[in-house]
C-alpha atoms as a PDB file:
ATOM      1  CA  MET A   1      81.850 124.529 102.506  1.00  0.00           C
ATOM      2  CA  ASP A   2      80.283 125.873  99.497  1.00  0.00           C
ATOM      3  CA  ASP A   3      80.432 125.045  95.841  1.00  0.00           C
ATOM      4  CA  LEU A   4      83.830 127.291  95.376  1.00  0.00           C
ATOM      5  CA  ASP A   5      85.470 125.074  98.192  1.00  0.00           C
ATOM      6  CA  ARG A   6      84.255 122.024  96.552  1.00  0.00           C
ATOM      7  CA  ARG A   7      85.795 123.050  93.289  1.00  0.00           C
ATOM      8  CA  ILE A   8      89.018 124.123  94.852  1.00  0.00           C
ATOM      9  CA  ILE A   9      89.312 120.948  96.556  1.00  0.00           C
ATOM     10  CA  ALA A  10      88.598 118.856  93.282  1.00  0.00           C
ATOM     11  CA  ALA A  11      91.212 121.022  91.461  1.00  0.00           C
ATOM     12  CA  LEU A  12      93.661 120.561  94.235  1.00  0.00           C
ATOM     13  CA  GLN A  13      93.058 116.705  94.022  1.00  0.00           C
ATOM     14  CA  ALA A  14      93.880 116.754  90.370  1.00  0.00           C
ATOM     15  CA  ASN A  15      97.108 118.752  90.969  1.00  0.00           C
ATOM     16  CA  ALA A  16      98.098 120.032  94.553  1.00  0.00           C
ATOM     17  CA  ARG A  17     101.226 121.585  93.008  1.00  0.00           C
ATOM     18  CA  GLU A  18      99.426 123.882  90.822  1.00  0.00           C
ATOM     19  CA  SER A  19      99.566 127.630  91.755  1.00  0.00           C
ATOM     20  CA  THR A  20      97.035 129.555  93.293  1.00  0.00           C
ATOM     21  CA  THR A  21      97.315 132.019  90.220  1.00  0.00           C
ATOM     22  CA  LYS A  22      96.522 129.050  87.677  1.00  0.00           C
ATOM     23  CA  LEU A  23      93.755 127.791  89.994  1.00  0.00           C
ATOM     24  CA  ALA A  24      92.114 131.184  90.287  1.00  0.00           C
ATOM     25  CA  ALA A  25      92.012 131.444  86.431  1.00  0.00           C
ATOM     26  CA  LYS A  26      90.429 127.951  86.003  1.00  0.00           C
ATOM     27  CA  LEU A  27      87.966 128.677  88.559  1.00  0.00           C
ATOM     28  CA  GLY A  28      87.218 132.288  87.491  1.00  0.00           C
ATOM     29  CA  VAL A  29      87.924 133.958  90.849  1.00  0.00           C
ATOM     30  CA  ALA A  30      90.659 136.238  92.078  1.00  0.00           C
ATOM     31  CA  ARG A  31      93.881 134.801  93.357  1.00  0.00           C
ATOM     32  CA  THR A  32      93.513 136.130  96.776  1.00  0.00           C
ATOM     33  CA  THR A  33      90.206 134.254  97.150  1.00  0.00           C
ATOM     34  CA  VAL A  34      91.726 131.013  96.222  1.00  0.00           C
ATOM     35  CA  HIS A  35      94.552 131.599  98.682  1.00  0.00           C
ATOM     36  CA  GLU A  36      92.301 132.553 101.530  1.00  0.00           C
ATOM     37  CA  ARG A  37      90.025 129.795 100.769  1.00  0.00           C
ATOM     38  CA  ILE A  38      92.739 127.089 101.075  1.00  0.00           C
ATOM     39  CA  ALA A  39      94.093 128.572 104.080  1.00  0.00           C
ATOM     40  CA  ARG A  40      90.851 128.629 105.954  1.00  0.00           C
ATOM     41  CA  MET A  41      90.108 124.822 104.880  1.00  0.00           C
ATOM     42  CA  GLU A  42      93.568 124.051 105.911  1.00  0.00           C
ATOM     43  CA  ASP A  43      93.061 125.972 109.437  1.00  0.00           C
ATOM     44  CA  ARG A  44      89.673 124.079 109.931  1.00  0.00           C
ATOM     45  CA  GLY A  45      91.166 120.778 109.027  1.00  0.00           C
ATOM     46  CA  VAL A  46      89.111 120.431 105.754  1.00  0.00           C
ATOM     47  CA  ILE A  47      92.451 120.052 104.015  1.00  0.00           C
ATOM     48  CA  ALA A  48      94.620 117.913 106.336  1.00  0.00           C
ATOM     49  CA  GLY A  49      97.580 117.706 104.096  1.00  0.00           C
ATOM     50  CA  TYR A  50      98.958 116.964 100.542  1.00  0.00           C
ATOM     51  CA  SER A  51     100.426 113.759  98.999  1.00  0.00           C
ATOM     52  CA  VAL A  52     102.507 112.372  96.344  1.00  0.00           C
ATOM     53  CA  VAL A  53     100.943 109.833  93.551  1.00  0.00           C
ATOM     54  CA  LEU A  54     103.565 107.592  92.417  1.00  0.00           C
ATOM     55  CA  SER A  55     103.397 106.243  88.763  1.00  0.00           C
ATOM     56  CA  GLU A  56     103.489 102.379  88.510  1.00  0.00           C
ATOM     57  CA  PRO A  57     106.521 100.941  90.387  1.00  0.00           C
ATOM     58  CA  ALA A  58     109.703 100.430  88.716  1.00  0.00           C
ATOM     59  CA  ASP A  59     109.534  96.790  89.378  1.00  0.00           C
ATOM     60  CA  GLY A  60     106.472  96.499  87.229  1.00  0.00           C
ATOM     61  CA  PRO A  61     102.688  95.953  87.514  1.00  0.00           C
ATOM     62  CA  ARG A  62     101.211  95.134  90.757  1.00  0.00           C
ATOM     63  CA  VAL A  63      98.256  92.672  91.837  1.00  0.00           C
ATOM     64  CA  GLN A  64      95.738  94.252  93.941  1.00  0.00           C
ATOM     65  CA  VAL A  65      93.053  92.614  96.266  1.00  0.00           C
ATOM     66  CA  ILE A  66      90.192  93.531  98.366  1.00  0.00           C
ATOM     67  CA  VAL A  67      90.001  91.689 101.614  1.00  0.00           C
ATOM     68  CA  LEU A  68      86.946  91.871 103.792  1.00  0.00           C
ATOM     69  CA  LEU A  69      87.360  91.016 107.380  1.00  0.00           C
ATOM     70  CA  GLU A  70      84.833  89.957 110.096  1.00  0.00           C
ATOM     71  CA  VAL A  71      86.544  90.755 113.466  1.00  0.00           C
ATOM     72  CA  GLN A  72      85.449  90.711 117.267  1.00  0.00           C
ATOM     73  CA  GLN A  73      84.285  94.089 117.866  1.00  0.00           C
ATOM     74  CA  LYS A  74      86.197  94.544 121.076  1.00  0.00           C
ATOM     75  CA  GLU A  75      89.515  93.575 119.003  1.00  0.00           C
ATOM     76  CA  THR A  76      88.878  96.038 116.294  1.00  0.00           C
ATOM     77  CA  THR A  77      91.432  98.670 117.675  1.00  0.00           C
ATOM     78  CA  ARG A  78      94.000  96.281 118.501  1.00  0.00           C
ATOM     79  CA  ILE A  79      93.666  94.471 114.738  1.00  0.00           C
ATOM     80  CA  VAL A  80      93.801  97.997 112.867  1.00  0.00           C
ATOM     81  CA  LYS A  81      96.987  98.797 114.717  1.00  0.00           C
ATOM     82  CA  ARG A  82      98.541  95.436 113.861  1.00  0.00           C
ATOM     83  CA  LEU A  83      97.123  95.990 110.034  1.00  0.00           C
ATOM     84  CA  GLU A  84      99.436  99.142 110.091  1.00  0.00           C
ATOM     85  CA  ALA A  85     102.608  96.977 110.013  1.00  0.00           C
ATOM     86  CA  TYR A  86     101.713  95.471 106.605  1.00  0.00           C
ATOM     87  CA  PRO A  87     103.190  97.778 103.986  1.00  0.00           C
ATOM     88  CA  GLU A  88     101.041  95.911 101.374  1.00  0.00           C
ATOM     89  CA  ILE A  89      97.864  97.093 102.796  1.00  0.00           C
ATOM     90  CA  LYS A  90      97.147 100.610 101.208  1.00  0.00           C
ATOM     91  CA  LEU A  91      93.644 101.223 102.627  1.00  0.00           C
ATOM     92  CA  CYS A  92      91.506 100.139 105.481  1.00  0.00           C
ATOM     93  CA  LEU A  93      88.055 101.129 105.873  1.00  0.00           C
ATOM     94  CA  SER A  94      85.408 100.420 108.705  1.00  0.00           C
ATOM     95  CA  ILE A  95      82.116  99.195 107.057  1.00  0.00           C
ATOM     96  CA  ASN A  96      78.608  98.179 108.099  1.00  0.00           C
ATOM     97  CA  GLY A  97      77.229  94.737 107.276  1.00  0.00           C
ATOM     98  CA  GLU A  98      78.504  91.123 107.166  1.00  0.00           C
ATOM     99  CA  TYR A  99      82.080  92.192 107.290  1.00  0.00           C
ATOM    100  CA  ASP A 100      83.744  94.923 109.499  1.00  0.00           C
ATOM    101  CA  LEU A 101      86.897  96.050 107.599  1.00  0.00           C
ATOM    102  CA  LEU A 102      87.698  96.533 104.162  1.00  0.00           C
ATOM    103  CA  LEU A 103      91.309  96.383 103.161  1.00  0.00           C
ATOM    104  CA  SER A 104      92.869  97.156  99.689  1.00  0.00           C
ATOM    105  CA  ALA A 105      96.378  95.605  99.392  1.00  0.00           C
ATOM    106  CA  GLU A 106      98.689  95.182  96.691  1.00  0.00           C
ATOM    107  CA  ALA A 107     102.183  93.418  95.975  1.00  0.00           C
ATOM    108  CA  PRO A 108     104.121  92.259  92.877  1.00  0.00           C
ATOM    109  CA  ARG A 109     102.884  88.695  92.871  1.00  0.00           C
ATOM    110  CA  ILE A 110      99.415  87.061  93.787  1.00  0.00           C
ATOM    111  CA  GLU A 111     101.597  84.644  95.897  1.00  0.00           C
ATOM    112  CA  ASP A 112     102.604  87.409  98.128  1.00  0.00           C
ATOM    113  CA  LEU A 113      99.137  88.585  98.759  1.00  0.00           C
ATOM    114  CA  ASP A 114      98.132  84.790  99.389  1.00  0.00           C
ATOM    115  CA  ILE A 115     100.652  84.912 101.915  1.00  0.00           C
ATOM    116  CA  LEU A 116      99.164  88.044 103.485  1.00  0.00           C
ATOM    117  CA  VAL A 117      95.639  86.982 103.559  1.00  0.00           C
ATOM    118  CA  ASP A 118      96.811  83.730 105.488  1.00  0.00           C
ATOM    119  CA  GLU A 119      98.478  85.864 107.832  1.00  0.00           C
ATOM    120  CA  LEU A 120      95.529  88.220 108.315  1.00  0.00           C
ATOM    121  CA  GLY A 121      93.326  85.128 109.094  1.00  0.00           C
ATOM    122  CA  ALA A 122      95.590  84.120 111.711  1.00  0.00           C
ATOM    123  CA  ILE A 123      95.361  87.372 113.693  1.00  0.00           C
ATOM    124  CA  PRO A 124      93.444  86.803 117.080  1.00  0.00           C
ATOM    125  CA  GLY A 125      90.135  88.234 116.742  1.00  0.00           C
ATOM    126  CA  VAL A 126      89.901  87.874 113.005  1.00  0.00           C
ATOM    127  CA  GLN A 127      86.861  85.531 112.642  1.00  0.00           C
ATOM    128  CA  ARG A 128      86.915  85.187 108.649  1.00  0.00           C
ATOM    129  CA  THR A 129      88.048  86.856 105.632  1.00  0.00           C
ATOM    130  CA  ASN A 130      86.680  87.106 102.022  1.00  0.00           C
ATOM    131  CA  THR A 131      89.296  88.170  99.162  1.00  0.00           C
ATOM    132  CA  SER A 132      88.648  89.309  95.682  1.00  0.00           C
ATOM    133  CA  VAL A 133      91.264  89.853  93.021  1.00  0.00           C
ATOM    134  CA  VAL A 134      90.844  93.189  91.309  1.00  0.00           C
ATOM    135  CA  PHE A 135      91.008  92.817  87.577  1.00  0.00           C
ATOM    136  CA  GLY A 136      91.023  96.573  86.621  1.00  0.00           C
ATOM    137  CA  ARG A 137      90.076 100.130  87.674  1.00  0.00           C
ATOM    138  CA  ARG A 138      87.107 101.520  85.903  1.00  0.00           C
ATOM    139  CA  ILE A 139      86.978 104.874  87.938  1.00  0.00           C
ATOM    140  CA  ASP A 140      89.917 106.073  89.954  1.00  0.00           C
ATOM    141  CA  ARG A 141      89.940 109.486  91.530  1.00  0.00           C
ATOM    142  CA  GLN A 142      92.594 109.044  93.747  1.00  0.00           C
END
């Protein structure tokens, strides 16, 4: 990937529905160049897909928490599979250090997340959890 590929990706992350003609104009290159670059990145798997970003839910604001999990290493795959069943969990990252997994979860009420964290701590192989409530987003590029 070169600088132009990175600029195309950044533009697509801002608005994946923007036409290649408009992207090309913004980037100062030919439309065919943008089209070919996107196709090549899709073929190579650099661009794996496109998604929809939803506005705030109709049911009002949501509470977000970050949950750190320390897990028994041999149980990691099984635990992650189990985490997929929780719709509140929006992100699961494997990390190094004191904890093994970092989760981002959200729900309408803090009480819902309290229940979630209790359930996560009860999963066999989860040794301990550490939870922080998110007060606000300072930078959000998702």
